[in-house]
Amino acid sequence: MKNLMVTTDQEHKLITEGYTALPQISNNRITIEEINDLIANKDKTYTSSTVFHKKYIEEKNIYSELKKDLKAIACKYYKDSIDYDDTYEITRITKGTQGSEAYLGHFDSHLFTLVTPIVIPRTNSEESGQLILFPKIRKEPKSEVLNILGKAFYKKYHSKEKFLKLMKSKSFAEFDFKDETPILFLGRVSLHGNRGFADNMSSHRITLLTHFFDPSPKYGVGNILRMLRSR
């Protein structure tokens, strides 16, 4: 069956290289009113299941079409014990003054992560919140214990100094999203984080993070963190 939203070439790039661009679901328009609604709670960087995110998912057929393709890919390459109804939506909003959000290297709990740029500051600054991705830097963990141990090992790259040092020794990809193209990557095996912001930047940076299929058990670290975040 022909994929609806992920081409054969994109599937190959995703699996072999760890990420792929999805220009077929770009052109994400947002109104001033929607921006103001999203940034109304300026102290909250991560918000789950916003109205705007739900609207984007429906308009772009993310769950009705893209999710089917990702399920087929997961069935082909991963173990069978996966909840294919499991998704997690986060709207990420950062600003130039939020230095604490920079260079926090981490893995996601879900197999696939879709990053959709919504509002990207128009600047040539080296520090404008760009996504830095170390694709497939670790293997898919075979158990939750190995998953936790792997995350603990890479926790040392949870700082700018260590993160930049890793960039000198490991292959990475960097995305500024100025072309508005969404990126799909393997979240559980690709370490990733964001650059900081130049001191004089006051613009908000808004991205949508749509996660698909957490294969960990209910007691897994990802589920625990999501429950804490939702409190």
Protein backbone atom coordinates (compact mmCIF):
# COMPACT_ATOMS: atom_id res chain seq x y z
CA MET A 1 0.00 0.00 0.00
CA LYS A 2 1.36 3.43 -0.91
CA ASN A 3 2.12 5.67 2.05
CA LEU A 4 -0.21 8.61 2.44
CA MET A 5 2.17 11.05 4.11
CA VAL A 6 5.61 9.40 4.33
CA THR A 7 7.25 8.50 1.03
CA THR A 8 9.47 5.45 0.58
CA ASP A 9 12.55 7.68 0.41
CA GLN A 10 11.52 9.50 3.60
CA GLU A 11 10.93 6.19 5.39
CA HIS A 12 14.39 4.99 4.33
CA LYS A 13 16.04 8.22 5.53
CA LEU A 14 14.14 8.11 8.83
CA ILE A 15 15.24 4.56 9.61
CA THR A 16 18.80 4.72 8.28
CA GLU A 17 19.76 8.29 9.22
CA GLY A 18 17.38 8.86 12.14
CA TYR A 19 15.40 11.80 10.74
CA THR A 20 13.67 13.17 7.66
CA ALA A 21 12.02 16.39 6.56
CA LEU A 22 8.27 16.36 5.84
CA PRO A 23 7.70 19.38 3.56
CA GLN A 24 4.36 17.93 2.47
CA ILE A 25 2.79 19.05 5.75
CA SER A 26 4.36 22.51 5.99
CA ASN A 27 2.74 25.94 5.48
CA ASN A 28 1.54 26.24 9.06
CA ARG A 29 -0.36 29.48 9.41
CA ILE A 30 -1.16 31.13 12.74
CA THR A 31 -3.06 34.33 13.50
CA ILE A 32 -2.04 37.07 15.91
CA GLU A 33 -4.99 36.10 18.08
CA GLU A 34 -3.79 32.48 18.23
CA ILE A 35 -0.26 33.59 19.12
CA ASN A 36 -1.55 35.80 21.91
CA ASP A 37 -3.66 32.94 23.22
CA LEU A 38 -0.66 30.58 23.25
CA ILE A 39 1.69 32.99 25.02
CA ALA A 40 -0.91 34.16 27.55
CA ASN A 41 0.75 31.95 30.18
CA LYS A 42 4.28 33.21 29.62
CA ASP A 43 5.78 31.28 32.53
CA LYS A 44 4.88 27.88 31.10
CA THR A 45 7.25 26.53 28.45
CA TYR A 46 5.48 23.23 27.79
CA THR A 47 1.72 22.91 27.44
CA SER A 48 -0.01 19.68 26.47
CA SER A 49 -2.94 19.43 24.06
CA THR A 50 -3.48 23.10 23.26
CA VAL A 51 -6.44 24.11 21.11
CA PHE A 52 -4.05 25.26 18.37
CA HIS A 53 -2.19 21.94 18.41
CA LYS A 54 -5.47 20.03 18.13
CA LYS A 55 -6.47 22.24 15.20
CA TYR A 56 -3.14 21.60 13.46
CA ILE A 57 -3.49 17.82 13.92
CA GLU A 58 -6.96 17.84 12.41
CA GLU A 59 -6.18 20.18 9.49
CA LYS A 60 -2.98 18.38 8.53
CA ASN A 61 -4.45 14.87 8.98
CA ILE A 62 -1.69 13.99 11.43
CA TYR A 63 -3.64 11.30 13.24
CA SER A 64 -5.89 10.21 10.38
CA GLU A 65 -3.04 9.71 7.87
CA LEU A 66 0.49 10.28 9.19
CA LYS A 67 -0.13 8.10 12.22
CA LYS A 68 -1.13 5.19 9.93
CA ASP A 69 2.17 5.48 8.07
CA LEU A 70 4.15 5.58 11.30
CA LYS A 71 2.28 2.54 12.59
CA ALA A 72 3.24 0.63 9.44
CA ILE A 73 6.88 1.70 9.86
CA ALA A 74 6.87 0.72 13.54
CA CYS A 75 5.39 -2.69 12.73
CA LYS A 76 8.14 -3.26 10.18
CA TYR A 77 11.12 -2.27 12.30
CA TYR A 78 10.15 -2.51 15.98
CA LYS A 79 8.72 -4.99 18.48
CA ASP A 80 5.04 -5.82 18.44
CA SER A 81 4.15 -4.76 21.99
CA ILE A 82 3.41 -1.14 21.14
CA ASP A 83 0.28 0.85 21.89
CA TYR A 84 -0.51 2.34 18.49
CA ASP A 85 -3.13 4.63 19.98
CA ASP A 86 -0.51 6.31 22.16
CA THR A 87 0.30 9.90 21.20
CA TYR A 88 1.42 12.93 23.18
CA GLU A 89 1.09 16.57 22.14
CA ILE A 90 3.23 19.40 23.49
CA THR A 91 3.30 23.04 22.48
CA ARG A 92 6.75 24.45 23.29
CA ILE A 93 7.06 28.21 23.77
CA THR A 94 10.41 29.82 24.57
CA LYS A 95 11.78 33.34 24.61
CA GLY A 96 15.19 35.01 24.64
CA THR A 97 15.23 35.39 28.39
CA GLN A 98 14.75 31.65 29.07
CA GLY A 99 18.36 30.52 29.26
CA SER A 100 17.42 27.55 31.41
CA GLU A 101 15.90 25.84 28.34
CA ALA A 102 19.17 25.79 26.40
CA TYR A 103 21.32 22.71 25.71
CA LEU A 104 19.26 20.26 27.72
CA GLY A 105 20.31 17.10 25.90
CA HIS A 106 17.70 14.36 26.25
CA PHE A 107 15.90 11.46 24.59
CA ASP A 108 12.14 11.21 24.09
CA SER A 109 10.08 8.30 25.38
CA HIS A 110 8.23 7.82 22.09
CA LEU A 111 9.50 6.14 18.92
CA PHE A 112 8.78 9.09 16.63
CA THR A 113 8.82 12.83 17.26
CA LEU A 114 7.36 15.33 14.81
CA VAL A 115 8.61 18.91 15.29
CA THR A 116 6.49 21.52 13.54
CA PRO A 117 7.72 25.15 13.48
CA ILE A 118 4.95 27.67 14.08
CA VAL A 119 6.68 30.93 15.07
CA ILE A 120 10.43 31.13 14.44
CA PRO A 121 12.37 34.35 15.23
CA ARG A 122 13.76 35.97 12.09
CA THR A 123 17.40 36.42 13.05
CA ASN A 124 20.86 35.42 11.87
CA SER A 125 22.07 34.91 15.41
CA GLU A 126 23.99 31.74 16.12
CA GLU A 127 21.86 31.41 19.23
CA SER A 128 18.17 31.52 18.31
CA GLY A 129 16.78 28.29 19.75
CA GLN A 130 17.81 25.97 16.89
CA LEU A 131 17.19 22.25 17.32
CA ILE A 132 20.38 20.18 17.49
CA LEU A 133 19.95 16.47 16.85
CA PHE A 134 22.40 13.60 17.32
CA PRO A 135 20.55 11.01 15.24
CA LYS A 136 20.75 7.36 16.32
CA ILE A 137 23.47 8.07 18.88
CA ARG A 138 22.30 5.02 20.81
CA LYS A 139 20.53 1.78 19.89
CA GLU A 140 16.87 1.15 20.62
CA PRO A 141 16.85 -0.08 24.25
CA LYS A 142 15.67 -3.67 24.61
CA SER A 143 14.18 -3.12 28.08
CA GLU A 144 13.02 -0.30 30.32
CA VAL A 145 16.01 -0.86 32.59
CA LEU A 146 18.40 -0.34 29.67
CA ASN A 147 16.35 2.67 28.59
CA ILE A 148 16.73 4.30 32.01
CA LEU A 149 20.43 3.45 32.22
CA GLY A 150 21.02 4.88 28.76
CA LYS A 151 19.24 8.10 29.64
CA ALA A 152 21.24 8.33 32.86
CA PHE A 153 24.51 7.93 30.93
CA TYR A 154 23.71 10.78 28.54
CA LYS A 155 22.43 13.01 31.36
CA LYS A 156 25.96 14.43 31.55
CA TYR A 157 25.21 16.29 28.30
CA HIS A 158 22.56 18.33 30.09
CA SER A 159 24.69 21.48 29.97
CA LYS A 160 26.01 23.83 27.31
CA GLU A 161 29.67 23.01 27.91
CA LYS A 162 29.20 19.23 27.60
CA PHE A 163 26.69 19.56 24.77
CA LEU A 164 29.06 21.65 22.65
CA LYS A 165 31.88 19.23 23.41
CA LEU A 166 29.73 16.36 22.11
CA MET A 167 29.08 18.34 18.91
CA LYS A 168 32.82 18.28 18.22
CA SER A 169 33.07 14.49 18.46
CA LYS A 170 29.72 13.17 17.15
CA SER A 171 27.72 13.70 13.97
CA PHE A 172 24.75 16.00 14.40
CA ALA A 173 22.11 17.84 12.40
CA GLU A 174 20.93 21.36 13.15
CA PHE A 175 17.59 22.90 12.21
CA ASP A 176 16.66 26.58 12.41
CA PHE A 177 13.22 25.92 10.84
CA LYS A 178 13.24 29.19 8.94
CA ASP A 179 11.91 27.30 5.91
CA GLU A 180 8.91 26.19 8.05
CA THR A 181 9.51 22.52 7.19
CA PRO A 182 8.54 19.96 9.88
CA ILE A 183 11.13 17.38 10.91
CA LEU A 184 10.33 13.78 11.90
CA PHE A 185 12.98 11.89 13.90
CA LEU A 186 13.55 8.78 16.01
CA GLY A 187 13.04 10.25 19.46
CA ARG A 188 14.13 7.33 21.64
CA VAL A 189 17.56 6.88 20.05
CA SER A 190 18.42 10.45 19.01
CA LEU A 191 19.81 12.79 21.65
CA HIS A 192 18.56 16.32 21.06
CA GLY A 193 18.31 19.77 22.57
CA ASN A 194 18.00 23.42 21.62
CA ARG A 195 20.46 26.26 21.43
CA GLY A 196 19.89 29.27 23.65
CA PHE A 197 18.96 32.77 22.56
CA ALA A 198 20.96 35.92 21.99
CA ASP A 199 20.63 38.30 24.93
CA ASN A 200 18.80 40.90 22.85
CA MET A 201 16.15 38.54 21.50
CA SER A 202 12.64 39.18 22.79
CA SER A 203 10.64 37.19 20.21
CA HIS A 204 8.81 34.03 21.14
CA ARG A 205 9.68 30.73 19.48
CA ILE A 206 6.75 28.34 19.14
CA THR A 207 6.99 24.74 17.98
CA LEU A 208 4.60 21.80 18.17
CA LEU A 209 6.01 18.47 19.38
CA THR A 210 3.84 15.53 18.41
CA HIS A 211 5.02 12.18 19.80
CA PHE A 212 3.97 8.74 18.57
CA PHE A 213 4.08 5.36 20.36
CA ASP A 214 5.83 4.92 23.71
CA PRO A 215 6.81 1.23 23.89
CA SER A 216 7.76 1.43 27.57
CA PRO A 217 5.51 -0.16 30.23
CA LYS A 218 3.09 1.94 32.23
CA TYR A 219 5.64 2.29 35.02
CA GLY A 220 8.22 3.61 32.55
CA VAL A 221 10.06 6.85 33.13
CA GLY A 222 8.28 8.61 30.26
CA ASN A 223 4.81 7.97 31.64
CA ILE A 224 5.87 9.09 35.12
CA LEU A 225 7.34 12.34 33.82
CA ARG A 226 4.24 13.06 31.74
CA MET A 227 1.99 12.55 34.74
CA LEU A 228 4.14 14.93 36.79
CA ARG A 229 4.13 17.52 34.01
CA SER A 230 0.33 17.39 33.78
CA ARG A 231 -0.15 18.11 37.48
